[in-house]
């Protein structure tokens, strides 16, 4: 009986520790597909939304495939910026945080305020 109690305590400790560690690594999701990797933004290769997940925060705000992201919060997307940097440093963040995304759609410039979500 004493051994069973120790195992239960150990399992509880591992589960609690795992949950607490996971909180720091959580990323909020916008629900868009964008270029990733070591490619760079250029005139011929803009930072373009290639897909939007149905019922995601971005979908609900009105972001669409083929929208070109030209600014995230206060940072303009410029030629030479690496796709992974934009994705990891500007788009990812904590769930519940709002992100201001400025998009070029055809000849219009649109502003969206999207709240990152844990899931959608």
PDB file of N, CA and C in Angstrom:
ATOM      1  N   UNK A   1       0.824  -1.197   0.000  1.00  0.00           N
ATOM      2  CA  UNK A   1       0.000   0.000   0.000  1.00  0.00           C
ATOM      3  C   UNK A   1       0.864   1.255   0.000  1.00  0.00           C
ATOM      4  N   UNK A   2       1.959   1.240   0.751  1.00  0.00           N
ATOM      5  CA  UNK A   2       2.860   2.382   0.833  1.00  0.00           C
ATOM      6  C   UNK A   2       3.504   2.671  -0.530  1.00  0.00           C
ATOM      7  N   UNK A   3       3.846   1.625  -1.275  1.00  0.00           N
ATOM      8  CA  UNK A   3       4.449   1.765  -2.591  1.00  0.00           C
ATOM      9  C   UNK A   3       3.456   2.384  -3.584  1.00  0.00           C
ATOM     10  N   UNK A   4       2.201   2.005  -3.502  1.00  0.00           N
ATOM     11  CA  UNK A   4       1.172   2.566  -4.383  1.00  0.00           C
ATOM     12  C   UNK A   4       1.018   4.061  -4.128  1.00  0.00           C
ATOM     13  N   UNK A   5       1.036   4.482  -2.860  1.00  0.00           N
ATOM     14  CA  UNK A   5       0.910   5.896  -2.510  1.00  0.00           C
ATOM     15  C   UNK A   5       2.091   6.694  -3.083  1.00  0.00           C
ATOM     16  N   UNK A   6       3.300   6.136  -3.019  1.00  0.00           N
ATOM     17  CA  UNK A   6       4.474   6.811  -3.564  1.00  0.00           C
ATOM     18  C   UNK A   6       4.347   6.980  -5.083  1.00  0.00           C
ATOM     19  N   UNK A   7       3.848   5.942  -5.757  1.00  0.00           N
ATOM     20  CA  UNK A   7       3.676   6.027  -7.208  1.00  0.00           C
ATOM     21  C   UNK A   7       2.646   7.085  -7.578  1.00  0.00           C
ATOM     22  N   UNK A   8       1.565   7.164  -6.817  1.00  0.00           N
ATOM     23  CA  UNK A   8       0.529   8.164  -7.087  1.00  0.00           C
ATOM     24  C   UNK A   8       1.092   9.570  -6.892  1.00  0.00           C
ATOM     25  N   UNK A   9       1.847   9.765  -5.830  1.00  0.00           N
ATOM     26  CA  UNK A   9       2.456  11.073  -5.577  1.00  0.00           C
ATOM     27  C   UNK A   9       3.436  11.429  -6.695  1.00  0.00           C
ATOM     28  N   UNK A  10       4.235  10.464  -7.132  1.00  0.00           N
ATOM     29  CA  UNK A  10       5.198  10.691  -8.196  1.00  0.00           C
ATOM     30  C   UNK A  10       4.481  11.052  -9.504  1.00  0.00           C
ATOM     31  N   UNK A  11       3.430  10.330  -9.836  1.00  0.00           N
ATOM     32  CA  UNK A  11       2.661  10.617 -11.052  1.00  0.00           C
ATOM     33  C   UNK A  11       2.041  12.014 -10.970  1.00  0.00           C
ATOM     34  N   UNK A  12       1.499  12.365  -9.821  1.00  0.00           N
ATOM     35  CA  UNK A  12       0.918  13.695  -9.635  1.00  0.00           C
ATOM     36  C   UNK A  12       1.977  14.772  -9.833  1.00  0.00           C
ATOM     37  N   UNK A  13       3.152  14.592  -9.245  1.00  0.00           N
ATOM     38  CA  UNK A  13       4.230  15.563  -9.353  1.00  0.00           C
ATOM     39  C   UNK A  13       4.659  15.738 -10.812  1.00  0.00           C
ATOM     40  N   UNK A  14       4.840  14.638 -11.534  1.00  0.00           N
ATOM     41  CA  UNK A  14       5.257  14.708 -12.936  1.00  0.00           C
ATOM     42  C   UNK A  14       4.191  15.417 -13.770  1.00  0.00           C
ATOM     43  N   UNK A  15       2.928  15.083 -13.556  1.00  0.00           N
ATOM     44  CA  UNK A  15       1.842  15.712 -14.315  1.00  0.00           C
ATOM     45  C   UNK A  15       1.771  17.212 -14.028  1.00  0.00           C
ATOM     46  N   UNK A  16       1.872  17.602 -12.751  1.00  0.00           N
ATOM     47  CA  UNK A  16       1.820  19.012 -12.377  1.00  0.00           C
ATOM     48  C   UNK A  16       3.001  19.771 -12.958  1.00  0.00           C
ATOM     49  N   UNK A  17       4.203  19.198 -12.865  1.00  0.00           N
ATOM     50  CA  UNK A  17       5.401  19.844 -13.384  1.00  0.00           C
ATOM     51  C   UNK A  17       5.301  20.015 -14.897  1.00  0.00           C
ATOM     52  N   UNK A  18       4.805  19.010 -15.588  1.00  0.00           N
ATOM     53  CA  UNK A  18       4.661  19.083 -17.045  1.00  0.00           C
ATOM     54  C   UNK A  18       3.687  20.177 -17.448  1.00  0.00           C
ATOM     55  N   UNK A  19       2.583  20.303 -16.736  1.00  0.00           N
ATOM     56  CA  UNK A  19       1.611  21.343 -17.053  1.00  0.00           C
ATOM     57  C   UNK A  19       2.187  22.729 -16.827  1.00  0.00           C
ATOM     58  N   UNK A  20       2.916  22.915 -15.747  1.00  0.00           N
ATOM     59  CA  UNK A  20       3.505  24.214 -15.452  1.00  0.00           C
ATOM     60  C   UNK A  20       4.566  24.587 -16.479  1.00  0.00           C
ATOM     61  N   UNK A  21       5.381  23.641 -16.906  1.00  0.00           N
ATOM     62  CA  UNK A  21       6.414  23.920 -17.903  1.00  0.00           C
ATOM     63  C   UNK A  21       5.792  24.245 -19.249  1.00  0.00           C
ATOM     64  N   UNK A  22       4.705  23.606 -19.573  1.00  0.00           N
ATOM     65  CA  UNK A  22       4.058  23.826 -20.851  1.00  0.00           C
ATOM     66  C   UNK A  22       3.490  25.221 -20.996  1.00  0.00           C
ATOM     67  N   UNK A  23       3.179  25.889 -19.897  1.00  0.00           N
ATOM     68  CA  UNK A  23       2.577  27.217 -19.976  1.00  0.00           C
ATOM     69  C   UNK A  23       3.509  28.221 -20.628  1.00  0.00           C
ATOM     70  N   UNK A  24       4.793  28.160 -20.340  1.00  0.00           N
ATOM     71  CA  UNK A  24       5.739  29.112 -20.921  1.00  0.00           C
ATOM     72  C   UNK A  24       5.914  28.889 -22.408  1.00  0.00           C
ATOM     73  N   UNK A  25       5.744  27.663 -22.877  1.00  0.00           N
ATOM     74  CA  UNK A  25       5.975  27.355 -24.274  1.00  0.00           C
ATOM     75  C   UNK A  25       4.730  27.469 -25.140  1.00  0.00           C
ATOM     76  N   UNK A  26       3.599  27.868 -24.579  1.00  0.00           N
ATOM     77  CA  UNK A  26       2.374  27.945 -25.366  1.00  0.00           C
ATOM     78  C   UNK A  26       2.455  29.079 -26.368  1.00  0.00           C
ATOM     79  N   UNK A  27       1.946  28.821 -27.549  1.00  0.00           N
ATOM     80  CA  UNK A  27       1.892  29.846 -28.575  1.00  0.00           C
ATOM     81  C   UNK A  27       0.443  30.041 -28.983  1.00  0.00           C
ATOM     82  N   UNK A  28       0.077  31.292 -29.107  1.00  0.00           N
ATOM     83  CA  UNK A  28      -1.238  31.592 -29.620  1.00  0.00           C
ATOM     84  C   UNK A  28      -1.240  31.479 -31.130  1.00  0.00           C
ATOM     85  N   UNK A  29      -2.354  31.083 -31.665  1.00  0.00           N
ATOM     86  CA  UNK A  29      -2.476  30.858 -33.099  1.00  0.00           C
ATOM     87  C   UNK A  29      -3.420  31.875 -33.719  1.00  0.00           C
ATOM     88  N   UNK A  30      -3.078  32.311 -34.919  1.00  0.00           N
ATOM     89  CA  UNK A  30      -3.939  33.226 -35.664  1.00  0.00           C
ATOM     90  C   UNK A  30      -4.815  32.471 -36.646  1.00  0.00           C
ATOM     91  N   UNK A  31      -4.316  31.325 -37.106  1.00  0.00           N
ATOM     92  CA  UNK A  31      -5.075  30.517 -38.054  1.00  0.00           C
ATOM     93  C   UNK A  31      -4.773  30.834 -39.495  1.00  0.00           C
ATOM     94  N   UNK A  32      -3.540  31.288 -39.755  1.00  0.00           N
ATOM     95  CA  UNK A  32      -3.158  31.552 -41.134  1.00  0.00           C
ATOM     96  C   UNK A  32      -1.956  30.701 -41.519  1.00  0.00           C
ATOM     97  N   UNK A  33      -1.854  30.434 -42.799  1.00  0.00           N
ATOM     98  CA  UNK A  33      -0.679  29.768 -43.346  1.00  0.00           C
ATOM     99  C   UNK A  33       0.130  30.830 -44.071  1.00  0.00           C
ATOM    100  N   UNK A  34       1.424  30.872 -43.748  1.00  0.00           N
ATOM    101  CA  UNK A  34       2.327  31.850 -44.351  1.00  0.00           C
ATOM    102  C   UNK A  34       3.636  31.145 -44.698  1.00  0.00           C
ATOM    103  N   UNK A  35       4.482  31.782 -45.528  1.00  0.00           N
ATOM    104  CA  UNK A  35       5.767  31.167 -45.836  1.00  0.00           C
ATOM    105  C   UNK A  35       6.636  31.039 -44.592  1.00  0.00           C
ATOM    106  N   UNK A  36       7.344  29.933 -44.483  1.00  0.00           N
ATOM    107  CA  UNK A  36       8.314  29.727 -43.408  1.00  0.00           C
ATOM    108  C   UNK A  36       9.605  29.214 -44.034  1.00  0.00           C
ATOM    109  N   UNK A  37      10.646  29.197 -43.254  1.00  0.00           N
ATOM    110  CA  UNK A  37      11.938  28.736 -43.743  1.00  0.00           C
ATOM    111  C   UNK A  37      12.904  29.891 -43.863  1.00  0.00           C
ATOM    112  N   UNK A  38      13.988  29.655 -44.579  1.00  0.00           N
ATOM    113  CA  UNK A  38      15.025  30.675 -44.674  1.00  0.00           C
ATOM    114  C   UNK A  38      14.883  31.575 -45.896  1.00  0.00           C
ATOM    115  N   UNK A  39      13.741  31.466 -46.595  1.00  0.00           N
ATOM    116  CA  UNK A  39      13.465  32.371 -47.707  1.00  0.00           C
ATOM    117  C   UNK A  39      13.299  33.796 -47.208  1.00  0.00           C
ATOM    118  N   UNK A  40      13.462  34.737 -48.122  1.00  0.00           N
ATOM    119  CA  UNK A  40      13.385  36.146 -47.749  1.00  0.00           C
ATOM    120  C   UNK A  40      12.309  36.874 -48.556  1.00  0.00           C
ATOM    121  N   UNK A  41      11.746  37.889 -47.927  1.00  0.00           N
ATOM    122  CA  UNK A  41      10.763  38.741 -48.575  1.00  0.00           C
ATOM    123  C   UNK A  41      11.455  39.534 -49.679  1.00  0.00           C
ATOM    124  N   UNK A  42      10.788  39.619 -50.825  1.00  0.00           N
ATOM    125  CA  UNK A  42      11.269  40.425 -51.945  1.00  0.00           C
ATOM    126  C   UNK A  42      10.066  40.894 -52.750  1.00  0.00           C
ATOM    127  N   UNK A  43      10.321  41.706 -53.755  1.00  0.00           N
ATOM    128  CA  UNK A  43       9.232  42.179 -54.622  1.00  0.00           C
ATOM    129  C   UNK A  43       8.507  41.005 -55.268  1.00  0.00           C
ATOM    130  N   UNK A  44       9.275  40.000 -55.657  1.00  0.00           N
ATOM    131  CA  UNK A  44       8.677  38.841 -56.339  1.00  0.00           C
ATOM    132  C   UNK A  44       8.204  37.764 -55.360  1.00  0.00           C
ATOM    133  N   UNK A  45       8.536  37.926 -54.094  1.00  0.00           N
ATOM    134  CA  UNK A  45       8.172  36.928 -53.089  1.00  0.00           C
ATOM    135  C   UNK A  45       7.719  37.622 -51.799  1.00  0.00           C
ATOM    136  N   UNK A  46       6.535  38.253 -51.821  1.00  0.00           N
ATOM    137  CA  UNK A  46       6.054  38.962 -50.627  1.00  0.00           C
ATOM    138  C   UNK A  46       5.631  37.982 -49.532  1.00  0.00           C
ATOM    139  N   UNK A  47       5.385  38.504 -48.347  1.00  0.00           N
ATOM    140  CA  UNK A  47       4.932  37.675 -47.226  1.00  0.00           C
ATOM    141  C   UNK A  47       3.418  37.547 -47.360  1.00  0.00           C
ATOM    142  N   UNK A  48       3.007  36.499 -48.040  1.00  0.00           N
ATOM    143  CA  UNK A  48       1.617  36.346 -48.468  1.00  0.00           C
ATOM    144  C   UNK A  48       0.908  35.267 -47.651  1.00  0.00           C
ATOM    145  N   UNK A  49      -0.344  35.507 -47.357  1.00  0.00           N
ATOM    146  CA  UNK A  49      -1.174  34.515 -46.671  1.00  0.00           C
ATOM    147  C   UNK A  49      -1.548  33.466 -47.712  1.00  0.00           C
ATOM    148  N   UNK A  50      -1.104  32.229 -47.483  1.00  0.00           N
ATOM    149  CA  UNK A  50      -1.395  31.166 -48.452  1.00  0.00           C
ATOM    150  C   UNK A  50      -2.648  30.373 -48.089  1.00  0.00           C
ATOM    151  N   UNK A  51      -3.100  30.496 -46.848  1.00  0.00           N
ATOM    152  CA  UNK A  51      -4.301  29.799 -46.419  1.00  0.00           C
ATOM    153  C   UNK A  51      -4.817  30.359 -45.106  1.00  0.00           C
ATOM    154  N   UNK A  52      -6.102  30.189 -44.871  1.00  0.00           N
ATOM    155  CA  UNK A  52      -6.743  30.625 -43.631  1.00  0.00           C
ATOM    156  C   UNK A  52      -7.618  29.483 -43.146  1.00  0.00           C
ATOM    157  N   UNK A  53      -7.434  29.075 -41.897  1.00  0.00           N
ATOM    158  CA  UNK A  53      -8.215  27.970 -41.342  1.00  0.00           C
ATOM    159  C   UNK A  53      -9.618  28.438 -40.986  1.00  0.00           C
ATOM    160  N   UNK A  54     -10.590  27.636 -41.379  1.00  0.00           N
ATOM    161  CA  UNK A  54     -11.996  27.918 -41.101  1.00  0.00           C
ATOM    162  C   UNK A  54     -12.201  28.046 -39.593  1.00  0.00           C
ATOM    163  N   UNK A  55     -12.963  29.036 -39.184  1.00  0.00           N
ATOM    164  CA  UNK A  55     -13.307  29.313 -37.782  1.00  0.00           C
ATOM    165  C   UNK A  55     -12.127  29.756 -36.930  1.00  0.00           C
ATOM    166  N   UNK A  56     -10.996  30.106 -37.542  1.00  0.00           N
ATOM    167  CA  UNK A  56      -9.848  30.620 -36.801  1.00  0.00           C
ATOM    168  C   UNK A  56     -10.048  32.107 -36.510  1.00  0.00           C
ATOM    169  N   UNK A  57      -9.243  32.678 -35.605  1.00  0.00           N
ATOM    170  CA  UNK A  57      -9.352  34.116 -35.345  1.00  0.00           C
ATOM    171  C   UNK A  57      -9.173  34.960 -36.617  1.00  0.00           C
ATOM    172  N   UNK A  58      -8.219  34.590 -37.466  1.00  0.00           N
ATOM    173  CA  UNK A  58      -7.986  35.345 -38.701  1.00  0.00           C
ATOM    174  C   UNK A  58      -9.188  35.241 -39.646  1.00  0.00           C
ATOM    175  N   UNK A  59      -9.758  34.062 -39.747  1.00  0.00           N
ATOM    176  CA  UNK A  59     -10.937  33.835 -40.590  1.00  0.00           C
ATOM    177  C   UNK A  59     -12.096  34.714 -40.121  1.00  0.00           C
ATOM    178  N   UNK A  60     -12.311  34.737 -38.816  1.00  0.00           N
ATOM    179  CA  UNK A  60     -13.415  35.518 -38.253  1.00  0.00           C
ATOM    180  C   UNK A  60     -13.225  37.016 -38.459  1.00  0.00           C
ATOM    181  N   UNK A  61     -11.969  37.466 -38.520  1.00  0.00           N
ATOM    182  CA  UNK A  61     -11.689  38.888 -38.734  1.00  0.00           C
ATOM    183  C   UNK A  61     -11.736  39.280 -40.203  1.00  0.00           C
ATOM    184  N   UNK A  62     -11.650  38.294 -41.110  1.00  0.00           N
ATOM    185  CA  UNK A  62     -11.773  38.593 -42.527  1.00  0.00           C
ATOM    186  C   UNK A  62     -10.493  38.506 -43.340  1.00  0.00           C
ATOM    187  N   UNK A  63      -9.422  37.980 -42.777  1.00  0.00           N
ATOM    188  CA  UNK A  63      -8.195  37.775 -43.543  1.00  0.00           C
ATOM    189  C   UNK A  63      -8.429  36.646 -44.531  1.00  0.00           C
ATOM    190  N   UNK A  64      -7.875  36.811 -45.741  1.00  0.00           N
ATOM    191  CA  UNK A  64      -8.130  35.848 -46.812  1.00  0.00           C
ATOM    192  C   UNK A  64      -6.827  35.379 -47.463  1.00  0.00           C
ATOM    193  N   UNK A  65      -6.854  34.198 -48.082  1.00  0.00           N
ATOM    194  CA  UNK A  65      -5.695  33.767 -48.871  1.00  0.00           C
ATOM    195  C   UNK A  65      -5.374  34.819 -49.943  1.00  0.00           C
ATOM    196  N   UNK A  66      -4.117  34.959 -50.236  1.00  0.00           N
ATOM    197  CA  UNK A  66      -3.571  35.926 -51.200  1.00  0.00           C
ATOM    198  C   UNK A  66      -3.453  37.338 -50.646  1.00  0.00           C
ATOM    199  N   UNK A  67      -3.856  37.569 -49.385  1.00  0.00           N
ATOM    200  CA  UNK A  67      -3.577  38.855 -48.744  1.00  0.00           C
ATOM    201  C   UNK A  67      -2.064  38.945 -48.513  1.00  0.00           C
ATOM    202  N   UNK A  68      -1.511  40.112 -48.747  1.00  0.00           N
ATOM    203  CA  UNK A  68      -0.081  40.326 -48.520  1.00  0.00           C
ATOM    204  C   UNK A  68       0.082  41.075 -47.201  1.00  0.00           C
ATOM    205  N   UNK A  69       0.813  40.476 -46.268  1.00  0.00           N
ATOM    206  CA  UNK A  69       1.052  41.115 -44.970  1.00  0.00           C
ATOM    207  C   UNK A  69       2.170  42.132 -45.155  1.00  0.00           C
ATOM    208  N   UNK A  70       1.857  43.412 -44.869  1.00  0.00           N
ATOM    209  CA  UNK A  70       2.865  44.458 -45.035  1.00  0.00           C
ATOM    210  C   UNK A  70       3.331  45.039 -43.696  1.00  0.00           C
ATOM    211  N   UNK A  71       2.588  44.728 -42.612  1.00  0.00           N
ATOM    212  CA  UNK A  71       3.008  45.202 -41.290  1.00  0.00           C
ATOM    213  C   UNK A  71       2.363  44.336 -40.218  1.00  0.00           C
ATOM    214  N   UNK A  72       3.130  44.052 -39.154  1.00  0.00           N
ATOM    215  CA  UNK A  72       2.632  43.323 -37.990  1.00  0.00           C
ATOM    216  C   UNK A  72       2.950  44.177 -36.775  1.00  0.00           C
ATOM    217  N   UNK A  73       1.903  44.588 -36.078  1.00  0.00           N
ATOM    218  CA  UNK A  73       2.017  45.569 -35.003  1.00  0.00           C
ATOM    219  C   UNK A  73       2.744  46.788 -35.558  1.00  0.00           C
ATOM    220  N   UNK A  74       3.878  47.180 -34.996  1.00  0.00           N
ATOM    221  CA  UNK A  74       4.568  48.380 -35.466  1.00  0.00           C
ATOM    222  C   UNK A  74       5.739  48.079 -36.401  1.00  0.00           C
ATOM    223  N   UNK A  75       5.868  46.836 -36.844  1.00  0.00           N
ATOM    224  CA  UNK A  75       7.017  46.445 -37.657  1.00  0.00           C
ATOM    225  C   UNK A  75       6.584  46.217 -39.104  1.00  0.00           C
ATOM    226  N   UNK A  76       7.175  47.003 -40.003  1.00  0.00           N
ATOM    227  CA  UNK A  76       6.886  46.860 -41.430  1.00  0.00           C
ATOM    228  C   UNK A  76       7.635  45.653 -41.972  1.00  0.00           C
ATOM    229  N   UNK A  77       6.974  44.905 -42.832  1.00  0.00           N
ATOM    230  CA  UNK A  77       7.601  43.764 -43.495  1.00  0.00           C
ATOM    231  C   UNK A  77       8.345  44.314 -44.704  1.00  0.00           C
ATOM    232  N   UNK A  78       9.662  44.165 -44.676  1.00  0.00           N
ATOM    233  CA  UNK A  78      10.501  44.770 -45.710  1.00  0.00           C
ATOM    234  C   UNK A  78      11.274  43.708 -46.474  1.00  0.00           C
ATOM    235  N   UNK A  79      11.710  44.074 -47.676  1.00  0.00           N
ATOM    236  CA  UNK A  79      12.549  43.191 -48.470  1.00  0.00           C
ATOM    237  C   UNK A  79      13.779  42.773 -47.659  1.00  0.00           C
ATOM    238  N   UNK A  80      14.121  41.499 -47.767  1.00  0.00           N
ATOM    239  CA  UNK A  80      15.282  40.965 -47.061  1.00  0.00           C
ATOM    240  C   UNK A  80      14.952  40.310 -45.730  1.00  0.00           C
ATOM    241  N   UNK A  81      13.742  40.538 -45.199  1.00  0.00           N
ATOM    242  CA  UNK A  81      13.372  39.887 -43.934  1.00  0.00           C
ATOM    243  C   UNK A  81      13.177  38.391 -44.177  1.00  0.00           C
ATOM    244  N   UNK A  82      13.665  37.581 -43.253  1.00  0.00           N
ATOM    245  CA  UNK A  82      13.582  36.125 -43.377  1.00  0.00           C
ATOM    246  C   UNK A  82      12.210  35.657 -42.899  1.00  0.00           C
ATOM    247  N   UNK A  83      11.611  34.750 -43.682  1.00  0.00           N
ATOM    248  CA  UNK A  83      10.273  34.242 -43.357  1.00  0.00           C
ATOM    249  C   UNK A  83      10.174  33.715 -41.929  1.00  0.00           C
ATOM    250  N   UNK A  84      11.135  32.880 -41.507  1.00  0.00           N
ATOM    251  CA  UNK A  84      11.087  32.311 -40.157  1.00  0.00           C
ATOM    252  C   UNK A  84      11.105  33.389 -39.076  1.00  0.00           C
ATOM    253  N   UNK A  85      11.871  34.447 -39.292  1.00  0.00           N
ATOM    254  CA  UNK A  85      11.923  35.539 -38.316  1.00  0.00           C
ATOM    255  C   UNK A  85      10.543  36.185 -38.179  1.00  0.00           C
ATOM    256  N   UNK A  86       9.912  36.452 -39.304  1.00  0.00           N
ATOM    257  CA  UNK A  86       8.585  37.077 -39.279  1.00  0.00           C
ATOM    258  C   UNK A  86       7.601  36.177 -38.548  1.00  0.00           C
ATOM    259  N   UNK A  87       7.624  34.894 -38.883  1.00  0.00           N
ATOM    260  CA  UNK A  87       6.684  33.951 -38.276  1.00  0.00           C
ATOM    261  C   UNK A  87       6.940  33.786 -36.778  1.00  0.00           C
ATOM    262  N   UNK A  88       8.177  33.488 -36.417  1.00  0.00           N
ATOM    263  CA  UNK A  88       8.488  33.164 -35.021  1.00  0.00           C
ATOM    264  C   UNK A  88       8.515  34.374 -34.105  1.00  0.00           C
ATOM    265  N   UNK A  89       8.981  35.503 -34.604  1.00  0.00           N
ATOM    266  CA  UNK A  89       9.155  36.675 -33.746  1.00  0.00           C
ATOM    267  C   UNK A  89       7.997  37.663 -33.790  1.00  0.00           C
ATOM    268  N   UNK A  90       7.232  37.655 -34.874  1.00  0.00           N
ATOM    269  CA  UNK A  90       6.169  38.648 -35.000  1.00  0.00           C
ATOM    270  C   UNK A  90       4.763  38.061 -34.946  1.00  0.00           C
ATOM    271  N   UNK A  91       4.579  36.882 -35.533  1.00  0.00           N
ATOM    272  CA  UNK A  91       3.233  36.305 -35.558  1.00  0.00           C
ATOM    273  C   UNK A  91       2.932  35.435 -34.342  1.00  0.00           C
ATOM    274  N   UNK A  92       3.909  34.664 -33.904  1.00  0.00           N
ATOM    275  CA  UNK A  92       3.679  33.819 -32.725  1.00  0.00           C
ATOM    276  C   UNK A  92       3.724  34.667 -31.461  1.00  0.00           C
ATOM    277  N   UNK A  93       2.972  34.266 -30.463  1.00  0.00           N
ATOM    278  CA  UNK A  93       2.952  34.980 -29.187  1.00  0.00           C
ATOM    279  C   UNK A  93       2.005  34.286 -28.238  1.00  0.00           C
ATOM    280  N   UNK A  94       1.716  34.953 -27.178  1.00  0.00           N
ATOM    281  CA  UNK A  94       0.853  34.369 -26.148  1.00  0.00           C
ATOM    282  C   UNK A  94      -0.609  34.362 -26.570  1.00  0.00           C
ATOM    283  N   UNK A  95      -1.307  33.293 -26.207  1.00  0.00           N
ATOM    284  CA  UNK A  95      -2.757  33.261 -26.457  1.00  0.00           C
ATOM    285  C   UNK A  95      -3.430  34.433 -25.740  1.00  0.00           C
ATOM    286  N   UNK A  96      -4.409  35.024 -26.394  1.00  0.00           N
ATOM    287  CA  UNK A  96      -5.142  36.137 -25.803  1.00  0.00           C
ATOM    288  C   UNK A  96      -4.599  37.504 -26.184  1.00  0.00           C
ATOM    289  N   UNK A  97      -3.382  37.569 -26.721  1.00  0.00           N
ATOM    290  CA  UNK A  97      -2.817  38.849 -27.143  1.00  0.00           C
ATOM    291  C   UNK A  97      -3.363  39.235 -28.514  1.00  0.00           C
ATOM    292  N   UNK A  98      -3.595  40.538 -28.683  1.00  0.00           N
ATOM    293  CA  UNK A  98      -4.054  41.042 -29.978  1.00  0.00           C
ATOM    294  C   UNK A  98      -2.856  41.378 -30.846  1.00  0.00           C
ATOM    295  N   UNK A  99      -3.024  41.135 -32.140  1.00  0.00           N
ATOM    296  CA  UNK A  99      -2.004  41.439 -33.124  1.00  0.00           C
ATOM    297  C   UNK A  99      -2.642  42.334 -34.178  1.00  0.00           C
ATOM    298  N   UNK A 100      -1.994  43.447 -34.463  1.00  0.00           N
ATOM    299  CA  UNK A 100      -2.485  44.327 -35.532  1.00  0.00           C
ATOM    300  C   UNK A 100      -1.746  43.943 -36.801  1.00  0.00           C
ATOM    301  N   UNK A 101      -2.500  43.553 -37.806  1.00  0.00           N
ATOM    302  CA  UNK A 101      -1.927  43.116 -39.075  1.00  0.00           C
ATOM    303  C   UNK A 101      -2.457  44.038 -40.172  1.00  0.00           C
ATOM    304  N   UNK A 102      -1.509  44.653 -40.892  1.00  0.00           N
ATOM    305  CA  UNK A 102      -1.886  45.492 -42.017  1.00  0.00           C
ATOM    306  C   UNK A 102      -1.629  44.689 -43.287  1.00  0.00           C
ATOM    307  N   UNK A 103      -2.649  44.646 -44.115  1.00  0.00           N
ATOM    308  CA  UNK A 103      -2.643  43.789 -45.296  1.00  0.00           C
ATOM    309  C   UNK A 103      -2.891  44.619 -46.547  1.00  0.00           C
ATOM    310  N   UNK A 104      -2.249  44.201 -47.616  1.00  0.00           N
ATOM    311  CA  UNK A 104      -2.544  44.771 -48.931  1.00  0.00           C
ATOM    312  C   UNK A 104      -3.383  43.735 -49.670  1.00  0.00           C
ATOM    313  N   UNK A 105      -4.575  44.136 -50.065  1.00  0.00           N
ATOM    314  CA  UNK A 105      -5.480  43.268 -50.823  1.00  0.00           C
ATOM    315  C   UNK A 105      -5.852  44.013 -52.098  1.00  0.00           C
ATOM    316  N   UNK A 106      -5.310  43.517 -53.198  1.00  0.00           N
ATOM    317  CA  UNK A 106      -5.463  44.184 -54.502  1.00  0.00           C
ATOM    318  C   UNK A 106      -4.941  45.608 -54.381  1.00  0.00           C
ATOM    319  N   UNK A 107      -5.780  46.611 -54.516  1.00  0.00           N
ATOM    320  CA  UNK A 107      -5.303  47.995 -54.426  1.00  0.00           C
ATOM    321  C   UNK A 107      -5.681  48.663 -53.099  1.00  0.00           C
ATOM    322  N   UNK A 108      -6.139  47.869 -52.126  1.00  0.00           N
ATOM    323  CA  UNK A 108      -6.559  48.410 -50.837  1.00  0.00           C
ATOM    324  C   UNK A 108      -5.589  48.015 -49.727  1.00  0.00           C
ATOM    325  N   UNK A 109      -5.502  48.857 -48.720  1.00  0.00           N
ATOM    326  CA  UNK A 109      -4.757  48.540 -47.512  1.00  0.00           C
ATOM    327  C   UNK A 109      -5.769  48.386 -46.382  1.00  0.00           C
ATOM    328  N   UNK A 110      -5.742  47.222 -45.711  1.00  0.00           N
ATOM    329  CA  UNK A 110      -6.720  46.908 -44.664  1.00  0.00           C
ATOM    330  C   UNK A 110      -6.009  46.642 -43.350  1.00  0.00           C
ATOM    331  N   UNK A 111      -6.655  47.012 -42.255  1.00  0.00           N
ATOM    332  CA  UNK A 111      -6.098  46.784 -40.921  1.00  0.00           C
ATOM    333  C   UNK A 111      -6.992  45.799 -40.180  1.00  0.00           C
ATOM    334  N   UNK A 112      -6.358  44.773 -39.607  1.00  0.00           N
ATOM    335  CA  UNK A 112      -7.074  43.756 -38.832  1.00  0.00           C
ATOM    336  C   UNK A 112      -6.477  43.680 -37.432  1.00  0.00           C
ATOM    337  N   UNK A 113      -7.326  43.485 -36.452  1.00  0.00           N
ATOM    338  CA  UNK A 113      -6.893  43.245 -35.073  1.00  0.00           C
ATOM    339  C   UNK A 113      -7.342  41.825 -34.726  1.00  0.00           C
ATOM    340  N   UNK A 114      -6.370  40.916 -34.658  1.00  0.00           N
ATOM    341  CA  UNK A 114      -6.641  39.503 -34.467  1.00  0.00           C
ATOM    342  C   UNK A 114      -6.114  39.084 -33.104  1.00  0.00           C
ATOM    343  N   UNK A 115      -6.939  38.404 -32.334  1.00  0.00           N
ATOM    344  CA  UNK A 115      -6.537  37.895 -31.020  1.00  0.00           C
ATOM    345  C   UNK A 115      -6.059  36.462 -31.165  1.00  0.00           C
ATOM    346  N   UNK A 116      -4.836  36.216 -30.705  1.00  0.00           N
ATOM    347  CA  UNK A 116      -4.283  34.853 -30.768  1.00  0.00           C
ATOM    348  C   UNK A 116      -5.112  33.920 -29.889  1.00  0.00           C
ATOM    349  N   UNK A 117      -5.260  32.692 -30.357  1.00  0.00           N
ATOM    350  CA  UNK A 117      -6.060  31.695 -29.660  1.00  0.00           C
ATOM    351  C   UNK A 117      -5.226  30.446 -29.391  1.00  0.00           C
ATOM    352  N   UNK A 118      -5.565  29.708 -28.329  1.00  0.00           N
ATOM    353  CA  UNK A 118      -4.888  28.437 -28.059  1.00  0.00           C
ATOM    354  C   UNK A 118      -5.248  27.418 -29.114  1.00  0.00           C
ATOM    355  N   UNK A 119      -6.496  27.453 -29.518  1.00  0.00           N
ATOM    356  CA  UNK A 119      -6.969  26.520 -30.550  1.00  0.00           C
ATOM    357  C   UNK A 119      -8.210  27.108 -31.202  1.00  0.00           C
ATOM    358  N   UNK A 120      -8.611  26.521 -32.288  1.00  0.00           N
ATOM    359  CA  UNK A 120      -9.811  26.983 -32.997  1.00  0.00           C
ATOM    360  C   UNK A 120     -10.476  25.825 -33.651  1.00  0.00           C
TER     361      UNK A 120
END
